[in-house]
């Protein structure tokens, strides 16, 4: 059961990682860069509806006389914590981790392992053996060694959100011989190598984290930048790590500002107050693509993931959609192509599978047919109608895209006896407790991106027992799916894994466990004084990678 739920859980990611570039969390309050210096920590964050500073109150990003290079970036959400194992990985959080932290390796979209802190690795059904590079230090001067690796993995394995990711590792039996770590396997996990290359697994300084009272309210890593200043709900500043072991990055400093209103951050980018901006709304993306902002370019990254409706259908949640007839009714009452075309303004592509078209397990399962009469028949079988509707509580981050998508769905659903209560479409901080409880009826989300080793990183993503996940299952309910999943996860044969993954995904589709909407993309506006931005998006995560930015 745990193995099966782990895959399905990934489809329901309330994580940031915005689906179609639109579902990244956004905290209340917004801040615009008022000067080259960040606001003082004790200054209150402006209210969400507060006007942006006047043009003469903000300095356009530029190099100072000494050539000190600063990149000013506007994103959507405040970082919630500096613990990679429990951070919900907002766009701002991911940007920070890519700057400050590093993983043992990364995995590209072709499945190639690129070593970072590790010098080599061997993975078999019996054990994972890692040999570390020597001479690497954290930004505070502490040496990076095997104890830090084991501490990081044990910490992640103890956290509710991430514990299932590490179930294959027998960390209690791990041994260390100099710079070599050998960890016996409880079972072979096809997702493990991808997992350890994910930014959630940045290596932690065990000497610091072991200190009494350390609450992950700061972040220390081996990466090219250090966290210099953090003003909650406003911004953070990171500066270059002058003792970094690797190649020095181009920029001396990144100033990252949080905005709850996309219109405000777009206006600040348009006026030249920001070097770069994260975008989700189709109008702004189209405007930028058509040259509406002089001296700026649109950078678009296509993800392997798909954005769609998540329904609470099993006993671990509210069970609102436990009856497959209700799930079918919901899927068939929506004219998804029309919704994507009208709301997306040509920016987004209708999804035809639960994984993206770039994934090696993509099969084009198609779009659920829009048929109101068929949907009414399904609702009747479930005991509902327009006169006796099913009330559904919706919880989702209140971005313009999310709100518009649910409002459109609300109109369609009302025709067949599904009443969507949208009072829970609100700012992220407000809805987070409900999302964490897993007791919402419906939300919007996506599976995360992935590399060539694990399609869309669908395996071992979250704990099956304590997270904000809607889509859960029991092996007893879908024994064939459970068997496909278990075999795929434990197989070392790529051809067999591909066949089993596709069968599993088809089973999710046929059982109406997730209703796809559109192909995931992430969109950024960047001033054309930074031409490297076109190649500065991490190809696996599709987040803007600060280490790849130059002028």
Protein backbone atom coordinates (compact mmCIF):
# COMPACT_ATOMS: atom_id res chain seq x y z
CA UNK A 1 0.00 0.00 0.00
CA UNK A 2 2.77 2.42 0.93
CA UNK A 3 4.50 1.95 -2.40
CA UNK A 4 1.31 2.51 -4.38
CA UNK A 5 0.27 5.58 -2.46
CA UNK A 6 3.70 7.13 -2.92
CA UNK A 7 3.20 7.33 -6.67
CA UNK A 8 -0.33 8.64 -6.53
CA UNK A 9 0.64 11.17 -3.91
CA UNK A 10 3.02 12.83 -6.32
CA UNK A 11 0.13 13.64 -8.61
CA UNK A 12 -1.44 15.75 -5.90
CA UNK A 13 1.42 17.95 -5.05
CA UNK A 14 0.32 21.00 -3.20
CA UNK A 15 3.90 21.93 -3.49
CA UNK A 16 4.69 24.95 -5.01
CA UNK A 17 5.87 24.06 -8.08
CA UNK A 18 3.26 25.69 -10.04
CA UNK A 19 1.30 23.68 -12.42
CA UNK A 20 1.03 25.35 -15.77
CA UNK A 21 3.17 27.86 -13.99
CA UNK A 22 0.18 28.80 -11.86
CA UNK A 23 0.01 26.88 -8.61
CA UNK A 24 3.01 28.10 -6.67
CA UNK A 25 1.99 29.25 -3.19
CA UNK A 26 1.78 32.96 -2.44
CA UNK A 27 1.86 34.41 1.04
CA UNK A 28 -0.11 37.45 2.06
CA UNK A 29 1.69 40.72 1.54
CA UNK A 30 3.88 41.97 -1.25
CA UNK A 31 7.05 43.96 -1.35
CA UNK A 32 8.72 45.89 -4.12
CA UNK A 33 12.43 46.67 -4.19
CA UNK A 34 12.52 50.13 -2.70
CA UNK A 35 16.28 50.52 -2.96
CA UNK A 36 19.49 48.56 -3.35
CA UNK A 37 19.13 47.67 0.34
CA UNK A 38 16.42 45.35 1.63
CA UNK A 39 13.79 46.57 4.13
CA UNK A 40 14.78 46.24 7.77
CA UNK A 41 13.70 43.01 9.39
CA UNK A 42 11.36 44.80 11.78
CA UNK A 43 9.51 46.68 9.06
CA UNK A 44 6.02 45.42 8.46
CA UNK A 45 5.22 43.86 5.10
CA UNK A 46 2.87 45.97 2.96
CA UNK A 47 -0.69 44.78 2.74
CA UNK A 48 -1.63 42.78 -0.35
CA UNK A 49 -3.65 45.66 -1.77
CA UNK A 50 -1.06 48.32 -0.99
CA UNK A 51 0.15 50.24 -4.00
CA UNK A 52 3.64 49.63 -5.30
CA UNK A 53 6.22 52.31 -4.51
CA UNK A 54 6.33 55.23 -6.88
CA UNK A 55 8.94 55.06 -9.62
CA UNK A 56 11.13 57.64 -7.94
CA UNK A 57 11.21 55.57 -4.76
CA UNK A 58 12.79 52.56 -6.40
CA UNK A 59 16.16 52.19 -7.98
CA UNK A 60 16.42 50.23 -11.21
CA UNK A 61 18.77 47.25 -10.87
CA UNK A 62 22.29 48.08 -11.96
CA UNK A 63 25.94 47.46 -11.19
CA UNK A 64 27.50 49.89 -8.75
CA UNK A 65 30.67 51.80 -9.49
CA UNK A 66 32.86 49.00 -8.19
CA UNK A 67 31.34 46.47 -10.55
CA UNK A 68 29.35 44.72 -7.81
CA UNK A 69 26.70 42.82 -9.74
CA UNK A 70 23.17 42.50 -8.36
CA UNK A 71 20.24 40.60 -9.89
CA UNK A 72 16.82 41.63 -8.56
CA UNK A 73 14.09 39.02 -8.92
CA UNK A 74 10.35 39.15 -8.25
CA UNK A 75 8.59 35.93 -7.36
CA UNK A 76 5.30 34.90 -5.86
CA UNK A 77 5.77 33.41 -2.45
CA UNK A 78 7.56 33.75 0.82
CA UNK A 79 9.79 30.87 1.86
CA UNK A 80 8.04 28.99 4.65
CA UNK A 81 11.03 27.26 6.23
CA UNK A 82 14.68 26.63 5.53
CA UNK A 83 14.45 22.88 6.06
CA UNK A 84 14.63 21.26 2.60
CA UNK A 85 12.93 18.13 3.92
CA UNK A 86 9.83 20.01 5.05
CA UNK A 87 9.85 23.15 2.89
CA UNK A 88 6.87 23.16 0.55
CA UNK A 89 9.31 24.36 -2.11
CA UNK A 90 7.76 27.58 -3.27
CA UNK A 91 9.45 29.21 -6.24
CA UNK A 92 11.31 31.50 -3.88
CA UNK A 93 12.33 28.52 -1.75
CA UNK A 94 13.64 26.61 -4.75
CA UNK A 95 15.60 29.64 -5.95
CA UNK A 96 17.19 29.91 -2.52
CA UNK A 97 18.09 26.23 -2.26
CA UNK A 98 19.67 26.22 -5.73
CA UNK A 99 21.85 29.13 -4.62
CA UNK A 100 22.85 28.08 -1.13
CA UNK A 101 22.69 24.31 -1.18
CA UNK A 102 24.02 21.42 -3.21
CA UNK A 103 23.13 17.77 -3.66
CA UNK A 104 25.31 14.70 -4.08
CA UNK A 105 24.56 14.75 -7.80
CA UNK A 106 21.99 15.88 -10.33
CA UNK A 107 20.19 13.81 -12.96
CA UNK A 108 19.40 15.28 -16.36
CA UNK A 109 16.37 14.55 -18.54
CA UNK A 110 18.28 11.80 -20.34
CA UNK A 111 18.98 9.99 -17.07
CA UNK A 112 22.64 10.93 -16.88
CA UNK A 113 24.07 11.34 -13.37
CA UNK A 114 26.21 14.47 -12.99
CA UNK A 115 28.27 14.41 -9.81
CA UNK A 116 28.36 17.45 -7.53
CA UNK A 117 29.41 16.63 -3.94
CA UNK A 118 29.84 12.95 -4.68
CA UNK A 119 32.83 11.72 -6.67
CA UNK A 120 31.22 8.42 -7.68
CA UNK A 121 28.28 6.15 -6.87
CA UNK A 122 27.26 2.52 -7.32
CA UNK A 123 23.66 1.39 -6.88
CA UNK A 124 22.58 -2.24 -6.78
CA UNK A 125 19.71 -4.20 -5.28
CA UNK A 126 21.94 -4.86 -2.26
CA UNK A 127 23.42 -1.46 -1.46
CA UNK A 128 24.01 2.16 -2.41
CA UNK A 129 27.70 3.07 -2.20
CA UNK A 130 28.71 6.74 -2.39
CA UNK A 131 32.23 8.13 -2.49
CA UNK A 132 32.48 11.83 -1.67
CA UNK A 133 34.75 14.49 -3.08
CA UNK A 134 37.28 15.67 -0.54
CA UNK A 135 38.20 19.16 0.61
CA UNK A 136 34.71 20.64 0.38
CA UNK A 137 33.47 22.92 3.16
CA UNK A 138 30.20 24.54 4.11
CA UNK A 139 29.99 28.32 3.82
CA UNK A 140 30.67 28.63 7.58
CA UNK A 141 33.95 26.74 7.23
CA UNK A 142 32.77 23.35 8.57
CA UNK A 143 34.13 20.40 6.59
CA UNK A 144 31.63 18.43 4.50
CA UNK A 145 31.92 14.71 5.15
CA UNK A 146 30.09 11.38 5.36
CA UNK A 147 28.47 12.27 8.68
CA UNK A 148 26.72 15.20 7.02
CA UNK A 149 25.34 12.90 4.32
CA UNK A 150 23.98 10.40 6.83
CA UNK A 151 22.58 13.18 9.02
CA UNK A 152 20.78 14.69 6.02
CA UNK A 153 19.27 11.38 4.94
CA UNK A 154 18.26 10.38 8.48
CA UNK A 155 16.66 13.76 9.05
CA UNK A 156 14.65 13.48 5.84
CA UNK A 157 13.69 9.90 6.67
CA UNK A 158 12.23 11.11 9.98
CA UNK A 159 10.00 13.81 8.50
CA UNK A 160 6.34 12.96 7.75
CA UNK A 161 6.44 14.55 4.31
CA UNK A 162 9.54 12.74 3.12
CA UNK A 163 9.86 9.55 5.15
CA UNK A 164 8.44 7.28 2.45
CA UNK A 165 11.04 8.51 -0.02
CA UNK A 166 13.79 6.84 1.98
CA UNK A 167 12.05 3.61 2.98
CA UNK A 168 14.32 1.59 0.71
CA UNK A 169 17.45 2.71 2.57
CA UNK A 170 18.55 0.81 5.66
CA UNK A 171 20.20 3.85 7.23
CA UNK A 172 20.65 2.16 10.60
CA UNK A 173 23.05 -0.30 8.99
CA UNK A 174 25.06 2.29 7.05
CA UNK A 175 28.84 2.14 7.33
CA UNK A 176 31.56 4.73 6.67
CA UNK A 177 35.08 4.10 5.46
CA UNK A 178 36.83 7.44 5.05
CA UNK A 179 34.95 9.29 2.32
CA UNK A 180 32.95 6.21 1.25
CA UNK A 181 29.46 5.50 2.57
CA UNK A 182 27.72 2.14 2.11
CA UNK A 183 23.99 1.96 2.79
CA UNK A 184 22.27 -1.46 2.55
CA UNK A 185 18.92 -1.53 0.74
CA UNK A 186 15.66 -2.73 2.25
CA UNK A 187 14.44 -2.98 -1.34
CA UNK A 188 15.48 -1.57 -4.70
CA UNK A 189 13.81 1.76 -5.42
CA UNK A 190 13.85 2.89 -9.04
CA UNK A 191 13.29 6.52 -7.98
CA UNK A 192 16.15 6.77 -5.49
CA UNK A 193 18.87 8.19 -7.74
CA UNK A 194 16.52 10.89 -9.06
CA UNK A 195 15.40 11.60 -5.52
CA UNK A 196 18.88 12.18 -4.18
CA UNK A 197 19.56 14.61 -7.01
CA UNK A 198 16.52 16.71 -6.12
CA UNK A 199 17.01 20.05 -4.37
CA UNK A 200 15.00 18.72 -1.42
CA UNK A 201 18.14 16.72 -0.65
CA UNK A 202 20.65 19.53 -0.29
CA UNK A 203 23.29 18.41 2.19
CA UNK A 204 22.96 19.82 5.72
CA UNK A 205 25.74 20.77 8.14
CA UNK A 206 25.29 18.18 10.90
CA UNK A 207 27.42 20.18 13.35
CA UNK A 208 25.05 23.12 13.09
CA UNK A 209 21.80 21.18 12.88
CA UNK A 210 22.72 19.09 15.93
CA UNK A 211 22.94 22.20 18.09
CA UNK A 212 20.24 22.58 20.69
CA UNK A 213 17.59 25.06 19.63
CA UNK A 214 18.38 24.93 15.91
CA UNK A 215 15.02 25.13 14.22
CA UNK A 216 15.89 25.41 10.54
CA UNK A 217 15.21 29.13 10.74
CA UNK A 218 18.35 29.70 8.67
CA UNK A 219 20.08 27.78 5.90
CA UNK A 220 23.76 26.87 5.53
CA UNK A 221 25.08 24.92 2.58
CA UNK A 222 28.09 24.14 0.42
CA UNK A 223 26.78 26.17 -2.53
CA UNK A 224 28.02 29.29 -4.33
CA UNK A 225 25.88 31.71 -2.27
CA UNK A 226 25.10 32.39 1.39
CA UNK A 227 21.88 33.66 2.88
CA UNK A 228 22.66 37.18 4.06
CA UNK A 229 19.29 38.58 5.10
CA UNK A 230 15.71 37.38 5.29
CA UNK A 231 12.69 39.57 5.95
CA UNK A 232 9.64 37.38 6.34
CA UNK A 233 6.88 38.08 3.79
CA UNK A 234 9.08 40.64 2.08
CA UNK A 235 12.40 39.44 0.68
CA UNK A 236 15.71 37.73 1.18
CA UNK A 237 19.22 38.66 0.07
CA UNK A 238 21.91 36.16 -0.86
CA UNK A 239 25.53 37.04 -1.57
CA UNK A 240 28.39 35.18 -3.18
CA UNK A 241 30.20 32.58 -1.09
CA UNK A 242 33.79 33.72 -1.49
CA UNK A 243 35.11 30.41 -0.14
CA UNK A 244 33.05 28.30 -2.55
CA UNK A 245 34.89 25.16 -3.63
CA UNK A 246 33.65 25.26 -7.24
CA UNK A 247 33.49 27.76 -10.06
CA UNK A 248 32.56 31.24 -8.84
CA UNK A 249 29.12 32.42 -10.02
CA UNK A 250 28.71 35.57 -12.07
CA UNK A 251 26.47 37.63 -9.78
CA UNK A 252 27.66 38.97 -6.44
CA UNK A 253 24.15 39.28 -5.02
CA UNK A 254 20.54 38.28 -5.62
CA UNK A 255 17.70 40.27 -4.08
CA UNK A 256 14.52 38.19 -4.17
CA UNK A 257 11.19 39.91 -3.43
CA UNK A 258 7.87 38.24 -2.64
CA UNK A 259 4.63 39.47 -4.22
CA UNK A 260 1.13 38.21 -3.52
CA UNK A 261 -0.22 40.14 -6.50
CA UNK A 262 1.15 39.21 -9.91
CA UNK A 263 -0.06 42.51 -11.35
CA UNK A 264 2.26 44.35 -8.95
CA UNK A 265 5.34 42.31 -9.74
CA UNK A 266 4.64 42.54 -13.48
CA UNK A 267 4.31 46.32 -13.18
CA UNK A 268 7.61 46.50 -11.29
CA UNK A 269 9.29 44.42 -13.98
CA UNK A 270 7.74 46.56 -16.69
CA UNK A 271 9.05 49.73 -15.03
CA UNK A 272 12.57 48.28 -14.74
CA UNK A 273 12.65 47.74 -10.99
CA UNK A 274 13.26 44.01 -11.46
CA UNK A 275 15.79 42.16 -13.61
CA UNK A 276 13.62 39.06 -13.66
CA UNK A 277 10.07 38.07 -12.77
CA UNK A 278 8.10 34.85 -12.38
CA UNK A 279 4.86 34.91 -14.42
CA UNK A 280 1.73 32.78 -14.42
CA UNK A 281 -1.11 34.83 -15.90
CA UNK A 282 -1.70 34.37 -19.61
CA UNK A 283 -2.23 38.05 -20.35
CA UNK A 284 1.15 39.06 -18.96
CA UNK A 285 2.90 36.15 -20.65
CA UNK A 286 1.35 36.99 -23.99
CA UNK A 287 2.14 40.68 -23.61
CA UNK A 288 5.76 39.95 -22.86
CA UNK A 289 5.99 37.46 -25.72
CA UNK A 290 4.68 40.11 -28.13
CA UNK A 291 7.24 42.68 -27.04
CA UNK A 292 5.01 44.76 -24.77
CA UNK A 293 7.90 45.30 -22.35
CA UNK A 294 10.71 47.03 -24.15
CA UNK A 295 14.09 45.45 -23.52
CA UNK A 296 12.66 42.26 -22.03
CA UNK A 297 12.38 38.63 -23.11
CA UNK A 298 10.07 35.76 -22.24
CA UNK A 299 11.73 32.54 -21.09
CA UNK A 300 9.41 29.52 -21.16
CA UNK A 301 10.23 26.05 -19.86
CA UNK A 302 8.00 23.06 -20.66
CA UNK A 303 7.69 20.60 -17.80
CA UNK A 304 7.10 16.87 -17.77
CA UNK A 305 4.20 17.48 -15.42
CA UNK A 306 0.50 18.05 -15.94
CA UNK A 307 -1.81 20.43 -14.09
CA UNK A 308 -5.21 19.07 -13.12
CA UNK A 309 -8.05 18.56 -10.66
CA UNK A 310 -7.35 16.47 -7.57
CA UNK A 311 -10.32 14.74 -5.97
CA UNK A 312 -10.59 13.33 -2.46
CA UNK A 313 -11.96 9.89 -3.14
CA UNK A 314 -10.57 7.41 -0.63
CA UNK A 315 -11.02 6.65 3.02
CA UNK A 316 -7.89 8.53 4.09
CA UNK A 317 -9.51 11.81 3.06
CA UNK A 318 -13.05 13.14 2.94
CA UNK A 319 -14.11 10.51 0.44
CA UNK A 320 -16.30 12.99 -1.42
CA UNK A 321 -15.44 11.34 -4.73
CA UNK A 322 -15.29 7.77 -3.44
CA UNK A 323 -18.02 6.75 -5.90
CA UNK A 324 -16.49 6.42 -9.37
CA UNK A 325 -19.79 7.66 -10.81
CA UNK A 326 -19.20 11.05 -9.18
CA UNK A 327 -15.65 11.14 -10.53
CA UNK A 328 -16.92 10.29 -14.00
CA UNK A 329 -19.64 12.92 -13.77
CA UNK A 330 -17.13 15.57 -12.79
CA UNK A 331 -14.75 14.64 -15.61
CA UNK A 332 -17.45 14.60 -18.29
CA UNK A 333 -19.27 17.76 -17.23
CA UNK A 334 -16.20 19.92 -17.96
CA UNK A 335 -15.36 21.27 -21.40
CA UNK A 336 -11.65 21.31 -20.65
CA UNK A 337 -10.41 22.32 -24.13
CA UNK A 338 -12.67 25.38 -24.06
CA UNK A 339 -11.59 26.25 -20.52
CA UNK A 340 -7.89 26.06 -21.40
CA UNK A 341 -8.34 27.97 -24.65
CA UNK A 342 -10.42 30.79 -23.19
CA UNK A 343 -8.66 31.19 -19.84
CA UNK A 344 -5.18 30.38 -21.11
CA UNK A 345 -5.35 32.77 -24.06
CA UNK A 346 -3.31 30.41 -26.20
CA UNK A 347 -0.48 30.12 -23.67
CA UNK A 348 -1.27 26.63 -22.42
CA UNK A 349 -1.73 23.26 -24.15
CA UNK A 350 -4.55 20.87 -23.26
CA UNK A 351 -3.18 17.80 -21.47
CA UNK A 352 -3.87 14.42 -23.02
CA UNK A 353 -2.32 12.28 -20.28
CA UNK A 354 -1.46 12.55 -16.60
CA UNK A 355 2.21 13.00 -17.49
CA UNK A 356 3.65 15.59 -19.85
CA UNK A 357 4.36 15.07 -23.52
CA UNK A 358 8.10 15.19 -22.83
CA UNK A 359 7.92 12.19 -20.51
CA UNK A 360 9.12 8.85 -21.85
CA UNK A 361 5.93 7.20 -20.59
CA UNK A 362 3.56 9.61 -22.35
CA UNK A 363 0.82 7.66 -24.17
CA UNK A 364 -1.84 10.22 -25.23
CA UNK A 365 -4.71 8.72 -23.29
CA UNK A 366 -6.84 11.60 -24.51
CA UNK A 367 -9.12 14.24 -23.00
CA UNK A 368 -12.21 13.16 -21.09
CA UNK A 369 -15.23 13.68 -23.36
CA UNK A 370 -17.46 16.67 -22.62
CA UNK A 371 -20.96 15.21 -22.32
CA UNK A 372 -23.42 16.87 -19.94
CA UNK A 373 -26.14 14.23 -20.35
CA UNK A 374 -23.69 11.43 -19.61
CA UNK A 375 -22.50 13.34 -16.55
CA UNK A 376 -26.09 13.71 -15.30
CA UNK A 377 -26.62 9.96 -15.68
CA UNK A 378 -23.53 9.24 -13.61
CA UNK A 379 -24.69 11.66 -10.89
CA UNK A 380 -28.09 9.98 -10.85
CA UNK A 381 -26.43 6.60 -10.30
CA UNK A 382 -24.59 8.13 -7.34
CA UNK A 383 -27.84 9.52 -5.91
CA UNK A 384 -27.39 13.21 -6.79
CA UNK A 385 -29.03 15.72 -9.11
CA UNK A 386 -29.46 19.47 -9.58
CA UNK A 387 -32.27 19.29 -7.02
CA UNK A 388 -30.15 17.22 -4.63
CA UNK A 389 -26.60 18.43 -5.29
CA UNK A 390 -23.31 17.17 -3.92
CA UNK A 391 -21.52 19.94 -2.02
CA UNK A 392 -17.77 20.03 -2.62
CA UNK A 393 -15.33 22.13 -0.58
CA UNK A 394 -12.54 23.49 -2.78
CA UNK A 395 -9.20 24.60 -1.33
CA UNK A 396 -6.56 26.07 -3.59
CA UNK A 397 -4.17 28.99 -3.72
CA UNK A 398 -6.11 32.02 -4.87
CA UNK A 399 -4.06 32.99 -7.92
CA UNK A 400 -5.98 34.59 -10.77
CA UNK A 401 -5.54 31.43 -12.85
CA UNK A 402 -6.71 29.06 -10.11
CA UNK A 403 -9.70 31.24 -9.29
CA UNK A 404 -10.72 31.54 -12.94
CA UNK A 405 -10.35 27.80 -13.51
CA UNK A 406 -12.52 26.91 -10.52
CA UNK A 407 -15.12 29.55 -11.38
CA UNK A 408 -15.43 28.02 -14.84
CA UNK A 409 -15.65 24.54 -13.34
CA UNK A 410 -18.27 25.77 -10.87
CA UNK A 411 -20.49 26.88 -13.73
CA UNK A 412 -20.18 23.56 -15.56
CA UNK A 413 -20.67 21.48 -12.41
CA UNK A 414 -23.84 23.29 -11.37
CA UNK A 415 -25.59 21.83 -14.43
CA UNK A 416 -25.16 18.25 -13.23
CA UNK A 417 -25.66 18.53 -9.45
CA UNK A 418 -22.16 19.33 -8.15
CA UNK A 419 -21.99 22.47 -6.04
CA UNK A 420 -18.41 23.77 -5.76
CA UNK A 421 -17.89 25.92 -2.68
CA UNK A 422 -15.01 28.25 -3.63
CA UNK A 423 -14.66 30.03 -0.29
CA UNK A 424 -11.47 28.02 0.23
CA UNK A 425 -9.76 29.49 -2.84
CA UNK A 426 -7.64 31.93 -0.87
CA UNK A 427 -4.11 32.99 -0.05
CA UNK A 428 -1.71 30.18 0.69
CA UNK A 429 -1.14 31.00 4.37
CA UNK A 430 -4.89 30.80 5.03
CA UNK A 431 -5.48 27.45 3.37
CA UNK A 432 -2.22 25.74 4.38
CA UNK A 433 -3.64 24.13 7.58
CA UNK A 434 -6.42 22.50 5.55
CA UNK A 435 -4.01 21.35 2.86
CA UNK A 436 -1.74 19.81 5.48
CA UNK A 437 -4.67 18.00 7.07
CA UNK A 438 -5.63 16.38 3.76
CA UNK A 439 -9.30 16.95 4.49
CA UNK A 440 -10.20 19.07 1.46
CA UNK A 441 -12.61 17.71 -1.15
CA UNK A 442 -10.83 19.14 -4.17
CA UNK A 443 -7.79 21.15 -5.18
CA UNK A 444 -5.53 21.83 -8.15
CA UNK A 445 -2.07 20.44 -8.55
CA UNK A 446 0.42 18.45 -10.57
CA UNK A 447 3.01 15.73 -10.45
CA UNK A 448 6.52 17.11 -10.17
CA UNK A 449 9.05 17.21 -12.94
CA UNK A 450 11.45 14.36 -13.41
CA UNK A 451 14.43 13.06 -15.30
CA UNK A 452 15.04 10.14 -17.59
CA UNK A 453 15.28 7.67 -14.71
CA UNK A 454 11.88 8.28 -13.20
CA UNK A 455 8.99 9.60 -15.31
CA UNK A 456 7.84 12.89 -13.82
CA UNK A 457 9.36 11.88 -10.47
CA UNK A 458 6.18 9.99 -9.74
CA UNK A 459 7.79 7.58 -7.29
CA UNK A 460 8.34 7.91 -3.55
CA UNK A 461 7.40 11.56 -3.36
CA UNK A 462 5.54 12.00 -0.08
CA UNK A 463 4.55 10.24 3.06
CA UNK A 464 1.30 8.29 2.62
CA UNK A 465 0.22 9.06 6.18
CA UNK A 466 0.82 12.73 6.99
CA UNK A 467 0.74 15.28 4.22
CA UNK A 468 -1.52 17.60 2.28
CA UNK A 469 -2.42 15.01 -0.33
CA UNK A 470 -5.86 14.36 -1.82
CA UNK A 471 -5.19 11.46 -4.14
CA UNK A 472 -4.58 8.35 -2.04
CA UNK A 473 -5.43 4.74 -2.52
CA UNK A 474 -5.37 1.31 -0.96
CA UNK A 475 -3.84 -1.70 -2.69
CA UNK A 476 -6.97 -3.68 -1.92
CA UNK A 477 -9.05 -1.26 -4.01
CA UNK A 478 -6.85 -1.52 -7.11
CA UNK A 479 -4.81 -4.74 -6.89
CA UNK A 480 -3.74 -4.68 -10.54
CA UNK A 481 -2.47 -1.13 -10.25
CA UNK A 482 -0.70 -2.02 -7.03
CA UNK A 483 1.02 -4.94 -8.72
CA UNK A 484 2.11 -2.83 -11.70
CA UNK A 485 3.46 -0.14 -9.46
CA UNK A 486 5.36 -2.48 -7.15
CA UNK A 487 6.98 -4.26 -10.08
CA UNK A 488 7.91 -0.98 -11.79
CA UNK A 489 9.43 0.45 -8.65
CA UNK A 490 11.59 -2.58 -7.97
CA UNK A 491 12.61 -3.38 -11.55
CA UNK A 492 16.09 -2.65 -12.87
CA UNK A 493 14.98 -3.33 -16.45
CA UNK A 494 14.14 -0.07 -18.20
CA UNK A 495 11.93 -1.66 -20.85
CA UNK A 496 9.90 -3.51 -18.22
CA UNK A 497 9.59 -0.36 -16.13
CA UNK A 498 8.29 1.61 -19.10
CA UNK A 499 5.62 -0.99 -19.85
CA UNK A 500 4.51 -1.17 -16.21
CA UNK A 501 4.49 2.59 -15.74
CA UNK A 502 2.29 3.02 -18.78
CA UNK A 503 -0.12 0.36 -17.53
CA UNK A 504 -0.25 2.04 -14.14
CA UNK A 505 -0.87 5.49 -15.62
CA UNK A 506 -3.60 4.08 -17.87
CA UNK A 507 -5.21 2.59 -14.77
CA UNK A 508 -5.26 5.98 -13.06
CA UNK A 509 -6.82 7.48 -16.19
CA UNK A 510 -9.45 4.74 -16.57
CA UNK A 511 -10.42 5.02 -12.90
CA UNK A 512 -10.82 8.81 -13.15
CA UNK A 513 -8.46 9.40 -10.24
CA UNK A 514 -7.05 12.63 -11.65
CA UNK A 515 -8.56 14.99 -14.24
CA UNK A 516 -5.79 16.54 -16.38
CA UNK A 517 -6.17 20.12 -17.56
CA UNK A 518 -3.04 21.36 -19.26
CA UNK A 519 0.62 20.74 -19.90
CA UNK A 520 2.80 22.32 -17.23
CA UNK A 521 5.02 25.25 -18.10
CA UNK A 522 6.95 27.84 -16.15
CA UNK A 523 7.36 31.35 -17.53
CA UNK A 524 9.82 34.10 -16.66
CA UNK A 525 10.40 37.61 -17.86
CA UNK A 526 14.04 38.67 -17.97
CA UNK A 527 15.60 41.91 -19.15
CA UNK A 528 17.54 41.42 -22.38
CA UNK A 529 20.65 42.75 -20.62
CA UNK A 530 20.82 39.19 -19.25
CA UNK A 531 20.90 37.04 -22.41
CA UNK A 532 22.02 33.95 -20.49
CA UNK A 533 18.54 33.71 -19.00
CA UNK A 534 17.35 31.77 -22.03
CA UNK A 535 19.53 28.89 -20.83
CA UNK A 536 19.23 29.53 -17.11
CA UNK A 537 16.23 27.31 -16.41
CA UNK A 538 17.04 23.99 -14.75
CA UNK A 539 15.97 21.42 -17.38
CA UNK A 540 14.60 18.96 -14.82
CA UNK A 541 12.81 21.22 -12.35
CA UNK A 542 12.16 24.12 -14.76
CA UNK A 543 12.98 26.59 -11.98
CA UNK A 544 15.14 29.57 -12.79
CA UNK A 545 18.61 28.45 -11.70
CA UNK A 546 20.67 31.36 -10.32
CA UNK A 547 23.96 29.57 -10.95
CA UNK A 548 23.27 29.64 -14.69
CA UNK A 549 22.64 33.38 -14.90
CA UNK A 550 25.20 35.79 -16.34
CA UNK A 551 24.80 39.07 -18.19
